[in-house]
Amino acid sequence: MSRAWVEAAGAIPGLDLVGLVDVRQEAAENLAAERKLTKALIGTDLDTVLAQSGANILFVCSIPEAHLPNILTGLRRGCHVLTEKPLAATMPEARTLERAAQRASRTVAVMQNYRYGRGIRSLKKFLATGKIGRITSIDAEFYRGCHFGGFREAMDHVLLLDMGIHPFDMARFLAGASPLAVQAQEWNPSNSWYRHGASASAFFEFEEGVTFNYRGSWCSQGFDTEWNGSWRILGEKGCVRWDGAAKIEAEVVAGKTGFTWPKKPMQVPLLDEKPFSHAHTVVMREFIRCLNSDRVPETVITDNIRSLAMVHGAIASARKQRRVLLP
């Protein structure tokens, strides 16, 4: 993912990449050469490179288990931090980071790039019109067969922990409400090349009676969904469907007669594509804009920790095989 981050950063005027750090120095050296970052300091020790480079922003693209020490190091060096998802590997670590950011008076936000795409932003704008009425339930499906290799194929709860953060955060964004409880299951199908938890389902209860139902798999063979998944949002007056790409369609009730009431299609306009061409760049630009104007990023740690609570709540529910209340 660091390549996507470096490419995105290169599109932002005034943002200079002054250092690259990796536990394998050759990896950082190769990326610097690939992106022609001839002035960037290269090293294996984050604290040293931060001190020598004078960086004031840290981008964290490491594996989840390394987020806690890396973000804490950045905060100690006075950096604002934008980190890869998930915020932390556990909820106690996330709360530690939240307190550390408050003590340091620095901003920590999460790269939830999926909520910054053209499709979901168009969908959110349509829902705000109230044309399908008050939202009652949200359904999302995610099915792909991805051979990553590396740490994902060896980790526990791979779907919920590695990928679940995206649809869970998207559901919070679309619902405009906080999650209250979850009932979840996870399993590893017989064809899975992952060690644990390649498939899962989770049913969330939100405020105001809204529900969110998620189903997905990392080892599905055939009929892949888009990376955003496929979505259906039910409202009191109608329904809207999103294929995860550029197709959004809606139907609303047109009368109250008959066994099934008549419906009429409704156009869902798509926002201009250009501003959403690279979601990582959109998130970075918004992050820097907020730093320069004393505004709070949309995915700031104090808000994003609620999406992470959904992930760990689902994991706890699957492990305990019961409904779990969320903080």
C-alpha atoms as a PDB file:
ATOM      1  CA  MET A   1       0.000   0.000   0.000  1.00  0.00           C
ATOM      2  CA  SER A   2       2.937   2.370   0.474  1.00  0.00           C
ATOM      3  CA  ARG A   3       3.167   2.725  -3.312  1.00  0.00           C
ATOM      4  CA  ALA A   4      -0.411   4.027  -3.424  1.00  0.00           C
ATOM      5  CA  TRP A   5       0.391   6.466  -0.623  1.00  0.00           C
ATOM      6  CA  VAL A   6       3.568   7.743  -2.278  1.00  0.00           C
ATOM      7  CA  GLU A   7       1.794   8.136  -5.612  1.00  0.00           C
ATOM      8  CA  ALA A   8      -1.031  10.061  -3.921  1.00  0.00           C
ATOM      9  CA  ALA A   9       1.359  12.303  -1.996  1.00  0.00           C
ATOM     10  CA  GLY A  10       3.176  13.163  -5.217  1.00  0.00           C
ATOM     11  CA  ALA A  11      -0.017  14.723  -6.573  1.00  0.00           C
ATOM     12  CA  ILE A  12      -0.283  17.276  -3.747  1.00  0.00           C
ATOM     13  CA  PRO A  13       1.560  20.582  -4.331  1.00  0.00           C
ATOM     14  CA  GLY A  14       3.674  21.698  -1.386  1.00  0.00           C
ATOM     15  CA  LEU A  15       3.844  18.248   0.204  1.00  0.00           C
ATOM     16  CA  ASP A  16       7.427  16.953   0.293  1.00  0.00           C
ATOM     17  CA  LEU A  17       8.271  13.347   1.132  1.00  0.00           C
ATOM     18  CA  VAL A  18      11.409  13.815   3.193  1.00  0.00           C
ATOM     19  CA  GLY A  19      11.918  10.267   4.455  1.00  0.00           C
ATOM     20  CA  LEU A  20      11.054   6.605   3.930  1.00  0.00           C
ATOM     21  CA  VAL A  21      11.356   4.017   6.715  1.00  0.00           C
ATOM     22  CA  ASP A  22      11.041   0.249   6.444  1.00  0.00           C
ATOM     23  CA  VAL A  23      12.219  -2.694   8.541  1.00  0.00           C
ATOM     24  CA  ARG A  24      13.845  -3.842   5.292  1.00  0.00           C
ATOM     25  CA  GLN A  25      15.961  -0.925   4.109  1.00  0.00           C
ATOM     26  CA  GLU A  26      16.143  -2.244   0.555  1.00  0.00           C
ATOM     27  CA  ALA A  27      12.353  -1.978   0.303  1.00  0.00           C
ATOM     28  CA  ALA A  28      12.509   1.738   1.150  1.00  0.00           C
ATOM     29  CA  GLU A  29      15.463   2.221  -1.195  1.00  0.00           C
ATOM     30  CA  ASN A  30      13.625   0.507  -4.057  1.00  0.00           C
ATOM     31  CA  LEU A  31      10.517   2.633  -3.561  1.00  0.00           C
ATOM     32  CA  ALA A  32      12.598   5.826  -3.406  1.00  0.00           C
ATOM     33  CA  ALA A  33      14.324   4.884  -6.648  1.00  0.00           C
ATOM     34  CA  GLU A  34      11.043   3.904  -8.306  1.00  0.00           C
ATOM     35  CA  ARG A  35       9.396   7.240  -7.423  1.00  0.00           C
ATOM     36  CA  LYS A  36      12.611   9.289  -7.931  1.00  0.00           C
ATOM     37  CA  LEU A  37      12.662  10.514  -4.330  1.00  0.00           C
ATOM     38  CA  THR A  38      16.344  11.377  -4.472  1.00  0.00           C
ATOM     39  CA  LYS A  39      16.261  13.753  -1.482  1.00  0.00           C
ATOM     40  CA  ALA A  40      14.354  11.478   0.893  1.00  0.00           C
ATOM     41  CA  LEU A  41      16.227  10.071   3.881  1.00  0.00           C
ATOM     42  CA  ILE A  42      16.150   6.280   4.015  1.00  0.00           C
ATOM     43  CA  GLY A  43      16.356   4.212   7.176  1.00  0.00           C
ATOM     44  CA  THR A  44      15.081   1.377   9.330  1.00  0.00           C
ATOM     45  CA  ASP A  45      14.571   3.386  12.539  1.00  0.00           C
ATOM     46  CA  LEU A  46      11.533   5.665  12.472  1.00  0.00           C
ATOM     47  CA  ASP A  47      12.600   7.880  15.384  1.00  0.00           C
ATOM     48  CA  THR A  48      15.982   8.590  13.798  1.00  0.00           C
ATOM     49  CA  VAL A  49      14.563   9.473  10.373  1.00  0.00           C
ATOM     50  CA  LEU A  50      11.890  11.722  11.912  1.00  0.00           C
ATOM     51  CA  ALA A  51      14.532  13.551  13.938  1.00  0.00           C
ATOM     52  CA  GLN A  52      16.917  13.984  11.014  1.00  0.00           C
ATOM     53  CA  SER A  53      14.322  14.906   8.407  1.00  0.00           C
ATOM     54  CA  GLY A  54      12.337  17.419  10.450  1.00  0.00           C
ATOM     55  CA  ALA A  55       9.073  15.926   9.188  1.00  0.00           C
ATOM     56  CA  ASN A  56       5.868  17.372  10.642  1.00  0.00           C
ATOM     57  CA  ILE A  57       3.490  14.743   9.193  1.00  0.00           C
ATOM     58  CA  LEU A  58       3.868  10.973   9.469  1.00  0.00           C
ATOM     59  CA  PHE A  59       2.149   8.556   7.075  1.00  0.00           C
ATOM     60  CA  VAL A  60       1.916   5.075   8.636  1.00  0.00           C
ATOM     61  CA  CYS A  61       1.610   2.247   6.089  1.00  0.00           C
ATOM     62  CA  SER A  62       2.817  -0.617   8.264  1.00  0.00           C
ATOM     63  CA  ILE A  63       0.998  -3.798   9.299  1.00  0.00           C
ATOM     64  CA  PRO A  64      -1.687  -3.255  11.993  1.00  0.00           C
ATOM     65  CA  GLU A  65       0.453  -4.657  14.827  1.00  0.00           C
ATOM     66  CA  ALA A  66       3.032  -1.904  14.206  1.00  0.00           C
ATOM     67  CA  HIS A  67       0.568   0.999  14.213  1.00  0.00           C
ATOM     68  CA  LEU A  68       0.769   1.594  17.974  1.00  0.00           C
ATOM     69  CA  PRO A  69       4.560   2.045  18.270  1.00  0.00           C
ATOM     70  CA  ASN A  70       4.841   3.921  14.971  1.00  0.00           C
ATOM     71  CA  ILE A  71       2.065   6.412  15.750  1.00  0.00           C
ATOM     72  CA  LEU A  72       3.351   6.952  19.295  1.00  0.00           C
ATOM     73  CA  THR A  73       6.822   7.657  17.896  1.00  0.00           C
ATOM     74  CA  GLY A  74       5.377  10.178  15.469  1.00  0.00           C
ATOM     75  CA  LEU A  75       3.420  11.934  18.221  1.00  0.00           C
ATOM     76  CA  ARG A  76       6.525  12.111  20.430  1.00  0.00           C
ATOM     77  CA  ARG A  77       8.315  13.833  17.547  1.00  0.00           C
ATOM     78  CA  GLY A  78       5.503  16.373  17.211  1.00  0.00           C
ATOM     79  CA  CYS A  79       4.014  14.959  14.017  1.00  0.00           C
ATOM     80  CA  HIS A  80       0.423  14.868  12.902  1.00  0.00           C
ATOM     81  CA  VAL A  81      -0.352  11.313  11.747  1.00  0.00           C
ATOM     82  CA  LEU A  82      -2.410   9.798   8.942  1.00  0.00           C
ATOM     83  CA  THR A  83      -2.403   6.017   9.278  1.00  0.00           C
ATOM     84  CA  GLU A  84      -3.436   3.060   7.182  1.00  0.00           C
ATOM     85  CA  LYS A  85      -6.498   1.209   8.434  1.00  0.00           C
ATOM     86  CA  PRO A  86      -7.285  -0.271  10.872  1.00  0.00           C
ATOM     87  CA  LEU A  87      -6.341   2.372  13.431  1.00  0.00           C
ATOM     88  CA  ALA A  88      -4.920  -0.246  15.793  1.00  0.00           C
ATOM     89  CA  ALA A  89      -4.744  -3.998  16.263  1.00  0.00           C
ATOM     90  CA  THR A  90      -6.868  -3.907  19.450  1.00  0.00           C
ATOM     91  CA  MET A  91      -9.310  -1.547  21.174  1.00  0.00           C
ATOM     92  CA  PRO A  92      -7.011  -0.925  24.185  1.00  0.00           C
ATOM     93  CA  GLU A  93      -4.279   0.111  21.737  1.00  0.00           C
ATOM     94  CA  ALA A  94      -6.730   2.410  19.947  1.00  0.00           C
ATOM     95  CA  ARG A  95      -7.673   4.082  23.241  1.00  0.00           C
ATOM     96  CA  THR A  96      -3.976   4.477  24.082  1.00  0.00           C
ATOM     97  CA  LEU A  97      -3.472   6.263  20.765  1.00  0.00           C
ATOM     98  CA  GLU A  98      -6.538   8.449  21.329  1.00  0.00           C
ATOM     99  CA  ARG A  99      -5.191   9.621  24.697  1.00  0.00           C
ATOM    100  CA  ALA A 100      -1.687  10.128  23.280  1.00  0.00           C
ATOM    101  CA  ALA A 101      -3.007  12.307  20.445  1.00  0.00           C
ATOM    102  CA  GLN A 102      -4.953  14.432  22.926  1.00  0.00           C
ATOM    103  CA  ARG A 103      -1.913  14.849  25.185  1.00  0.00           C
ATOM    104  CA  ALA A 104       0.300  15.788  22.226  1.00  0.00           C
ATOM    105  CA  SER A 105      -2.303  18.193  20.764  1.00  0.00           C
ATOM    106  CA  ARG A 106      -1.763  16.550  17.403  1.00  0.00           C
ATOM    107  CA  THR A 107      -4.205  15.189  14.855  1.00  0.00           C
ATOM    108  CA  VAL A 108      -4.367  11.457  14.168  1.00  0.00           C
ATOM    109  CA  ALA A 109      -6.681  10.311  11.365  1.00  0.00           C
ATOM    110  CA  VAL A 110      -7.227   7.095   9.429  1.00  0.00           C
ATOM    111  CA  MET A 111      -7.011   6.392   5.691  1.00  0.00           C
ATOM    112  CA  GLN A 112     -10.639   5.341   5.213  1.00  0.00           C
ATOM    113  CA  ASN A 113     -10.353   5.916   1.474  1.00  0.00           C
ATOM    114  CA  TYR A 114     -13.442   3.829   0.695  1.00  0.00           C
ATOM    115  CA  ARG A 115     -15.745   6.520   2.099  1.00  0.00           C
ATOM    116  CA  TYR A 116     -14.163   9.091  -0.231  1.00  0.00           C
ATOM    117  CA  GLY A 117     -15.089   7.457  -3.552  1.00  0.00           C
ATOM    118  CA  ARG A 118     -17.384   8.937  -6.152  1.00  0.00           C
ATOM    119  CA  GLY A 119     -20.060   6.263  -5.742  1.00  0.00           C
ATOM    120  CA  ILE A 120     -20.495   6.436  -1.977  1.00  0.00           C
ATOM    121  CA  ARG A 121     -20.381  10.243  -1.961  1.00  0.00           C
ATOM    122  CA  SER A 122     -23.072  10.331  -4.653  1.00  0.00           C
ATOM    123  CA  LEU A 123     -25.130   7.840  -2.655  1.00  0.00           C
ATOM    124  CA  LYS A 124     -24.744   9.840   0.552  1.00  0.00           C
ATOM    125  CA  LYS A 125     -25.857  13.030  -1.201  1.00  0.00           C
ATOM    126  CA  PHE A 126     -28.943  11.269  -2.576  1.00  0.00           C
ATOM    127  CA  LEU A 127     -29.882   9.839   0.832  1.00  0.00           C
ATOM    128  CA  ALA A 128     -29.669  13.344   2.304  1.00  0.00           C
ATOM    129  CA  THR A 129     -32.508  14.460   0.003  1.00  0.00           C
ATOM    130  CA  GLY A 130     -34.886  12.235   1.964  1.00  0.00           C
ATOM    131  CA  LYS A 131     -36.461  10.848  -1.207  1.00  0.00           C
ATOM    132  CA  ILE A 132     -36.515   7.284   0.131  1.00  0.00           C
ATOM    133  CA  GLY A 133     -37.455   8.546   3.571  1.00  0.00           C
ATOM    134  CA  ARG A 134     -35.807   7.699   6.844  1.00  0.00           C
ATOM    135  CA  ILE A 135     -33.261   4.860   6.541  1.00  0.00           C
ATOM    136  CA  THR A 136     -34.414   1.636   8.191  1.00  0.00           C
ATOM    137  CA  SER A 137     -31.776  -0.897   7.132  1.00  0.00           C
ATOM    138  CA  ILE A 138     -28.543  -1.257   5.173  1.00  0.00           C
ATOM    139  CA  ASP A 139     -27.273  -4.469   3.540  1.00  0.00           C
ATOM    140  CA  ALA A 140     -23.767  -4.992   2.136  1.00  0.00           C
ATOM    141  CA  GLU A 141     -22.089  -7.971   0.472  1.00  0.00           C
ATOM    142  CA  PHE A 142     -18.383  -8.419  -0.286  1.00  0.00           C
ATOM    143  CA  TYR A 143     -17.097 -11.463  -2.176  1.00  0.00           C
ATOM    144  CA  ARG A 144     -13.609 -11.765  -3.690  1.00  0.00           C
ATOM    145  CA  GLY A 145     -10.960 -14.462  -3.971  1.00  0.00           C
ATOM    146  CA  CYS A 146      -7.693 -12.631  -3.276  1.00  0.00           C
ATOM    147  CA  HIS A 147      -4.278 -14.281  -3.031  1.00  0.00           C
ATOM    148  CA  PHE A 148      -2.291 -11.654  -1.131  1.00  0.00           C
ATOM    149  CA  GLY A 149       0.431 -13.844   0.278  1.00  0.00           C
ATOM    150  CA  GLY A 150       2.274 -12.378   3.254  1.00  0.00           C
ATOM    151  CA  PHE A 151       0.821 -11.474   6.636  1.00  0.00           C
ATOM    152  CA  ARG A 152      -2.870 -11.571   5.670  1.00  0.00           C
ATOM    153  CA  GLU A 153      -2.858 -15.284   4.923  1.00  0.00           C
ATOM    154  CA  ALA A 154      -1.425 -16.005   8.385  1.00  0.00           C
ATOM    155  CA  MET A 155      -3.468 -13.607  10.545  1.00  0.00           C
ATOM    156  CA  ASP A 156      -6.486 -14.285  12.764  1.00  0.00           C
ATOM    157  CA  HIS A 157      -9.901 -12.839  11.793  1.00  0.00           C
ATOM    158  CA  VAL A 158      -8.547 -11.868   8.389  1.00  0.00           C
ATOM    159  CA  LEU A 159     -11.813 -10.703   6.818  1.00  0.00           C
ATOM    160  CA  LEU A 160     -13.237  -8.848   9.812  1.00  0.00           C
ATOM    161  CA  LEU A 161      -9.974  -7.284  10.967  1.00  0.00           C
ATOM    162  CA  ASP A 162      -8.312  -6.506   7.647  1.00  0.00           C
ATOM    163  CA  MET A 163     -11.286  -5.672   5.406  1.00  0.00           C
ATOM    164  CA  GLY A 164     -14.289  -5.312   7.700  1.00  0.00           C
ATOM    165  CA  ILE A 165     -13.187  -1.842   8.768  1.00  0.00           C
ATOM    166  CA  HIS A 166     -14.076  -0.476   5.314  1.00  0.00           C
ATOM    167  CA  PRO A 167     -17.728  -1.593   4.994  1.00  0.00           C
ATOM    168  CA  PHE A 168     -18.330  -0.989   8.703  1.00  0.00           C
ATOM    169  CA  ASP A 169     -17.028   2.571   8.395  1.00  0.00           C
ATOM    170  CA  MET A 170     -19.031   3.067   5.192  1.00  0.00           C
ATOM    171  CA  ALA A 171     -22.199   1.886   6.940  1.00  0.00           C
ATOM    172  CA  ARG A 172     -21.646   4.395   9.756  1.00  0.00           C
ATOM    173  CA  PHE A 173     -21.113   7.118   7.159  1.00  0.00           C
ATOM    174  CA  LEU A 174     -24.290   6.246   5.240  1.00  0.00           C
ATOM    175  CA  ALA A 175     -26.464   5.732   8.317  1.00  0.00           C
ATOM    176  CA  GLY A 176     -25.285   8.872  10.082  1.00  0.00           C
ATOM    177  CA  ALA A 177     -25.763   6.997  13.350  1.00  0.00           C
ATOM    178  CA  SER A 178     -23.701   5.152  15.937  1.00  0.00           C
ATOM    179  CA  PRO A 179     -23.678   1.333  16.284  1.00  0.00           C
ATOM    180  CA  LEU A 180     -25.015  -0.138  19.517  1.00  0.00           C
ATOM    181  CA  ALA A 181     -24.664  -3.939  19.280  1.00  0.00           C
ATOM    182  CA  VAL A 182     -23.568  -6.773  16.982  1.00  0.00           C
ATOM    183  CA  GLN A 183     -24.178 -10.481  16.414  1.00  0.00           C
ATOM    184  CA  ALA A 184     -21.512 -12.073  14.198  1.00  0.00           C
ATOM    185  CA  GLN A 185     -20.094 -15.343  12.907  1.00  0.00           C
ATOM    186  CA  GLU A 186     -16.834 -16.131  11.126  1.00  0.00           C
ATOM    187  CA  TRP A 187     -15.526 -19.310   9.553  1.00  0.00           C
ATOM    188  CA  ASN A 188     -12.868 -20.667   7.233  1.00  0.00           C
ATOM    189  CA  PRO A 189     -14.336 -22.496   4.181  1.00  0.00           C
ATOM    190  CA  SER A 190     -12.768 -25.788   3.102  1.00  0.00           C
ATOM    191  CA  ASN A 191     -11.183 -24.131   0.041  1.00  0.00           C
ATOM    192  CA  SER A 192      -9.649 -21.273   2.035  1.00  0.00           C
ATOM    193  CA  TRP A 193      -5.953 -20.498   1.607  1.00  0.00           C
ATOM    194  CA  TYR A 194      -6.108 -18.257   4.678  1.00  0.00           C
ATOM    195  CA  ARG A 195      -5.291 -19.579   8.137  1.00  0.00           C
ATOM    196  CA  HIS A 196      -8.367 -18.158   9.901  1.00  0.00           C
ATOM    197  CA  GLY A 197     -11.656 -16.351   9.397  1.00  0.00           C
ATOM    198  CA  ALA A 198     -11.786 -15.847   5.627  1.00  0.00           C
ATOM    199  CA  SER A 199     -15.611 -15.594   5.655  1.00  0.00           C
ATOM    200  CA  ALA A 200     -17.953 -13.774   8.016  1.00  0.00           C
ATOM    201  CA  SER A 201     -21.385 -12.316   8.584  1.00  0.00           C
ATOM    202  CA  ALA A 202     -22.347  -9.580  11.033  1.00  0.00           C
ATOM    203  CA  PHE A 203     -25.645  -7.998  12.009  1.00  0.00           C
ATOM    204  CA  PHE A 204     -25.390  -4.569  13.653  1.00  0.00           C
ATOM    205  CA  GLU A 205     -27.991  -2.585  15.544  1.00  0.00           C
ATOM    206  CA  PHE A 206     -27.634   1.188  15.188  1.00  0.00           C
ATOM    207  CA  GLU A 207     -29.291   4.103  16.920  1.00  0.00           C
ATOM    208  CA  GLU A 208     -32.868   4.984  15.941  1.00  0.00           C
ATOM    209  CA  GLY A 209     -33.687   1.391  14.976  1.00  0.00           C
ATOM    210  CA  VAL A 210     -31.410   1.279  11.908  1.00  0.00           C
ATOM    211  CA  THR A 211     -29.840  -2.118  11.168  1.00  0.00           C
ATOM    212  CA  PHE A 212     -26.794  -3.088   9.089  1.00  0.00           C
ATOM    213  CA  ASN A 213     -26.341  -6.603   7.720  1.00  0.00           C
ATOM    214  CA  TYR A 214     -22.910  -7.573   6.311  1.00  0.00           C
ATOM    215  CA  ARG A 215     -21.831 -10.777   4.548  1.00  0.00           C
ATOM    216  CA  GLY A 216     -18.482 -11.424   2.927  1.00  0.00           C
ATOM    217  CA  SER A 217     -15.583 -13.692   1.992  1.00  0.00           C
ATOM    218  CA  TRP A 218     -11.937 -13.359   0.962  1.00  0.00           C
ATOM    219  CA  CYS A 219     -11.933 -16.802  -0.702  1.00  0.00           C
ATOM    220  CA  SER A 220     -15.052 -16.623  -2.880  1.00  0.00           C
ATOM    221  CA  GLN A 221     -14.618 -18.207  -6.311  1.00  0.00           C
ATOM    222  CA  GLY A 222     -16.711 -16.488  -8.986  1.00  0.00           C
ATOM    223  CA  PHE A 223     -18.906 -13.404  -9.390  1.00  0.00           C
ATOM    224  CA  ASP A 224     -16.608 -11.053  -7.503  1.00  0.00           C
ATOM    225  CA  THR A 225     -18.228  -7.931  -6.130  1.00  0.00           C
ATOM    226  CA  GLU A 226     -16.553  -4.572  -6.593  1.00  0.00           C
ATOM    227  CA  TRP A 227     -14.008  -3.703  -3.903  1.00  0.00           C
ATOM    228  CA  ASN A 228     -16.633  -1.422  -2.362  1.00  0.00           C
ATOM    229  CA  GLY A 229     -19.028  -4.391  -2.201  1.00  0.00           C
ATOM    230  CA  SER A 230     -22.671  -4.220  -3.269  1.00  0.00           C
ATOM    231  CA  TRP A 231     -25.209  -2.262  -1.216  1.00  0.00           C
ATOM    232  CA  ARG A 232     -28.961  -1.955  -0.647  1.00  0.00           C
ATOM    233  CA  ILE A 233     -30.406   0.790   1.554  1.00  0.00           C
ATOM    234  CA  LEU A 234     -34.040   0.549   2.590  1.00  0.00           C
ATOM    235  CA  GLY A 235     -36.001   3.622   3.592  1.00  0.00           C
ATOM    236  CA  GLU A 236     -39.559   4.211   4.748  1.00  0.00           C
ATOM    237  CA  LYS A 237     -40.525   5.438   1.259  1.00  0.00           C
ATOM    238  CA  GLY A 238     -38.303   3.397  -1.044  1.00  0.00           C
ATOM    239  CA  CYS A 239     -35.009   1.686  -1.735  1.00  0.00           C
ATOM    240  CA  VAL A 240     -31.676   2.502  -3.344  1.00  0.00           C
ATOM    241  CA  ARG A 241     -29.110   0.009  -4.689  1.00  0.00           C
ATOM    242  CA  TRP A 242     -25.420   0.591  -5.406  1.00  0.00           C
ATOM    243  CA  ASP A 243     -23.247  -1.925  -7.243  1.00  0.00           C
ATOM    244  CA  GLY A 244     -20.080  -0.573  -5.628  1.00  0.00           C
ATOM    245  CA  ALA A 245     -19.010   1.142  -8.850  1.00  0.00           C
ATOM    246  CA  ALA A 246     -20.937   3.730 -10.862  1.00  0.00           C
ATOM    247  CA  LYS A 247     -24.427   2.214 -10.913  1.00  0.00           C
ATOM    248  CA  ILE A 248     -26.868   3.621  -8.363  1.00  0.00           C
ATOM    249  CA  GLU A 249     -30.592   3.084  -8.812  1.00  0.00           C
ATOM    250  CA  ALA A 250     -33.604   3.940  -6.676  1.00  0.00           C
ATOM    251  CA  GLU A 251     -37.293   3.110  -6.472  1.00  0.00           C
ATOM    252  CA  VAL A 252     -39.861   4.959  -4.378  1.00  0.00           C
ATOM    253  CA  VAL A 253     -43.456   4.213  -3.514  1.00  0.00           C
ATOM    254  CA  ALA A 254     -45.815   5.780  -6.076  1.00  0.00           C
ATOM    255  CA  GLY A 255     -49.149   4.810  -4.514  1.00  0.00           C
ATOM    256  CA  LYS A 256     -50.763   2.853  -1.717  1.00  0.00           C
ATOM    257  CA  THR A 257     -52.996   0.379  -3.523  1.00  0.00           C
ATOM    258  CA  GLY A 258     -52.730  -3.327  -4.342  1.00  0.00           C
ATOM    259  CA  PHE A 259     -50.920  -6.315  -2.857  1.00  0.00           C
ATOM    260  CA  THR A 260     -47.507  -4.708  -3.473  1.00  0.00           C
ATOM    261  CA  TRP A 261     -47.674  -0.951  -3.758  1.00  0.00           C
ATOM    262  CA  PRO A 262     -46.609   0.515  -7.119  1.00  0.00           C
ATOM    263  CA  LYS A 263     -43.087   1.946  -7.358  1.00  0.00           C
ATOM    264  CA  LYS A 264     -41.472   4.452  -9.649  1.00  0.00           C
ATOM    265  CA  PRO A 265     -37.775   4.646 -10.578  1.00  0.00           C
ATOM    266  CA  MET A 266     -35.859   7.691  -9.457  1.00  0.00           C
ATOM    267  CA  GLN A 267     -32.650   9.029 -10.931  1.00  0.00           C
ATOM    268  CA  VAL A 268     -29.607   9.119  -8.654  1.00  0.00           C
ATOM    269  CA  PRO A 269     -27.148  11.640 -10.123  1.00  0.00           C
ATOM    270  CA  LEU A 270     -23.449  10.855  -9.922  1.00  0.00           C
ATOM    271  CA  LEU A 271     -21.029  13.517  -8.760  1.00  0.00           C
ATOM    272  CA  ASP A 272     -18.302  14.686 -11.128  1.00  0.00           C
ATOM    273  CA  GLU A 273     -15.665  11.948 -11.420  1.00  0.00           C
ATOM    274  CA  LYS A 274     -12.541  14.130 -11.549  1.00  0.00           C
ATOM    275  CA  PRO A 275     -12.276  15.068  -7.837  1.00  0.00           C
ATOM    276  CA  PHE A 276     -12.495  11.371  -6.890  1.00  0.00           C
ATOM    277  CA  SER A 277      -9.953   9.942  -9.338  1.00  0.00           C
ATOM    278  CA  HIS A 278      -7.559   8.847  -6.550  1.00  0.00           C
ATOM    279  CA  ALA A 279      -9.230   8.339  -3.178  1.00  0.00           C
ATOM    280  CA  HIS A 280      -5.907   8.276  -1.274  1.00  0.00           C
ATOM    281  CA  THR A 281      -5.114  11.739  -2.642  1.00  0.00           C
ATOM    282  CA  VAL A 282      -8.579  12.974  -1.656  1.00  0.00           C
ATOM    283  CA  VAL A 283      -8.034  11.828   1.940  1.00  0.00           C
ATOM    284  CA  MET A 284      -4.524  13.323   2.104  1.00  0.00           C
ATOM    285  CA  ARG A 285      -5.669  16.651   0.690  1.00  0.00           C
ATOM    286  CA  GLU A 286      -8.536  16.829   3.178  1.00  0.00           C
ATOM    287  CA  PHE A 287      -6.180  15.896   6.034  1.00  0.00           C
ATOM    288  CA  ILE A 288      -3.710  18.658   5.135  1.00  0.00           C
ATOM    289  CA  ARG A 289      -6.526  21.164   4.513  1.00  0.00           C
ATOM    290  CA  CYS A 290      -7.822  20.494   8.006  1.00  0.00           C
ATOM    291  CA  LEU A 291      -4.372  20.934   9.555  1.00  0.00           C
ATOM    292  CA  ASN A 292      -4.005  24.289   7.806  1.00  0.00           C
ATOM    293  CA  SER A 293      -7.425  25.558   8.882  1.00  0.00           C
ATOM    294  CA  ASP A 294      -7.787  24.106  12.398  1.00  0.00           C
ATOM    295  CA  ARG A 295     -10.632  21.864  11.243  1.00  0.00           C
ATOM    296  CA  VAL A 296     -11.168  18.250  12.260  1.00  0.00           C
ATOM    297  CA  PRO A 297     -10.731  15.546   9.576  1.00  0.00           C
ATOM    298  CA  GLU A 298     -13.743  13.355   8.912  1.00  0.00           C
ATOM    299  CA  THR A 299     -11.805  10.223   9.897  1.00  0.00           C
ATOM    300  CA  VAL A 300     -10.137  11.670  12.997  1.00  0.00           C
ATOM    301  CA  ILE A 301      -9.256   9.126  15.678  1.00  0.00           C
ATOM    302  CA  THR A 302     -12.049  10.225  18.045  1.00  0.00           C
ATOM    303  CA  ASP A 303     -14.623   9.350  15.367  1.00  0.00           C
ATOM    304  CA  ASN A 304     -12.913   6.449  13.598  1.00  0.00           C
ATOM    305  CA  ILE A 305     -12.495   4.539  16.848  1.00  0.00           C
ATOM    306  CA  ARG A 306     -16.249   3.844  16.587  1.00  0.00           C
ATOM    307  CA  SER A 307     -15.709   1.990  13.297  1.00  0.00           C
ATOM    308  CA  LEU A 308     -12.880   0.012  14.907  1.00  0.00           C
ATOM    309  CA  ALA A 309     -15.218  -0.838  17.786  1.00  0.00           C
ATOM    310  CA  MET A 310     -17.543  -2.435  15.222  1.00  0.00           C
ATOM    311  CA  VAL A 311     -14.685  -4.627  13.986  1.00  0.00           C
ATOM    312  CA  HIS A 312     -13.595  -5.800  17.416  1.00  0.00           C
ATOM    313  CA  GLY A 313     -17.186  -6.122  18.567  1.00  0.00           C
ATOM    314  CA  ALA A 314     -17.886  -8.443  15.637  1.00  0.00           C
ATOM    315  CA  ILE A 315     -14.772 -10.481  16.424  1.00  0.00           C
ATOM    316  CA  ALA A 316     -15.802 -10.755  20.086  1.00  0.00           C
ATOM    317  CA  SER A 317     -19.344 -11.764  19.100  1.00  0.00           C
ATOM    318  CA  ALA A 318     -18.069 -14.463  16.739  1.00  0.00           C
ATOM    319  CA  ARG A 319     -15.707 -15.793  19.391  1.00  0.00           C
ATOM    320  CA  LYS A 320     -18.316 -15.776  22.197  1.00  0.00           C
ATOM    321  CA  GLN A 321     -21.170 -16.816  19.878  1.00  0.00           C
ATOM    322  CA  ARG A 322     -23.534 -14.227  21.290  1.00  0.00           C
ATOM    323  CA  ARG A 323     -24.732 -10.660  20.829  1.00  0.00           C
ATOM    324  CA  VAL A 324     -22.217  -8.071  22.016  1.00  0.00           C
ATOM    325  CA  LEU A 325     -22.902  -4.490  23.094  1.00  0.00           C
ATOM    326  CA  LEU A 326     -20.584  -1.874  21.609  1.00  0.00           C
ATOM    327  CA  PRO A 327     -18.965   0.948  23.612  1.00  0.00           C
END
